[in-house]
Protein backbone atom coordinates (compact mmCIF):
# COMPACT_ATOMS: atom_id res chain seq x y z
CA MET A 1 109.47 109.15 104.57
CA ILE A 2 112.75 109.52 106.47
CA TYR A 3 113.49 112.76 104.61
CA PHE A 4 110.24 114.44 105.73
CA ASP A 5 109.71 116.30 108.98
CA THR A 6 107.61 114.65 111.70
CA ASP A 7 104.44 116.61 110.91
CA THR A 8 104.61 115.60 107.25
CA GLN A 9 105.32 111.96 108.17
CA GLN A 10 102.29 111.98 110.48
CA ALA A 11 100.03 113.45 107.80
CA LEU A 12 101.26 110.90 105.26
CA VAL A 13 100.73 107.92 107.57
CA ASP A 14 97.22 109.13 108.42
CA ARG A 15 96.40 109.56 104.73
CA LEU A 16 97.78 106.15 103.80
CA TYR A 17 95.71 104.53 106.54
CA ASN A 18 92.56 106.20 105.23
CA CYS A 19 93.33 105.12 101.65
CA LEU A 20 93.83 101.44 102.48
CA ARG A 21 91.00 98.96 102.78
CA ASP A 22 90.57 97.04 106.02
CA GLY A 23 93.20 94.32 106.08
CA GLY A 24 95.41 96.20 103.61
CA TYR A 25 99.18 96.23 104.07
CA LEU A 26 101.65 99.08 104.28
CA PHE A 27 105.22 98.23 103.33
CA VAL A 28 107.95 100.72 104.22
CA GLY A 29 111.67 100.71 103.51
CA HIS A 30 113.91 98.75 105.89
CA SER A 31 115.38 102.00 107.26
CA GLU A 32 111.93 103.44 107.88
CA GLY A 33 109.24 102.69 110.39
CA LEU A 34 106.30 104.21 112.20
CA THR A 35 108.12 104.48 115.53
CA GLY A 36 107.42 107.82 117.16
CA LEU A 37 104.26 108.42 115.15
CA LYS A 38 100.70 107.99 116.36
CA HIS A 39 99.13 105.50 114.00
CA ARG A 40 96.37 102.92 113.83
CA PHE A 41 98.32 100.32 111.85
CA ARG A 42 99.08 96.94 113.38
CA TYR A 43 102.74 95.96 113.34
CA ILE A 44 103.28 92.64 111.55
CA VAL A 45 107.06 92.25 111.03
CA PRO A 46 109.81 94.83 110.45
CA SER A 47 108.75 97.19 107.65
CA VAL A 48 105.25 95.66 107.37
CA TYR A 49 102.09 97.05 108.92
CA ARG A 50 98.43 96.17 108.44
CA ARG A 51 95.29 98.23 108.56
């Protein structure tokens, strides 16, 4: 996601959230994160978020 602009990152994170079941996990690369984006994921540990 780091190569996308902020609007595209936001749209992707929103879509991923809607595609995951409750309790599902989102794993991102170690150089990525959801910092600076409005999201509903719960931070677990670096690079791991949960719906």
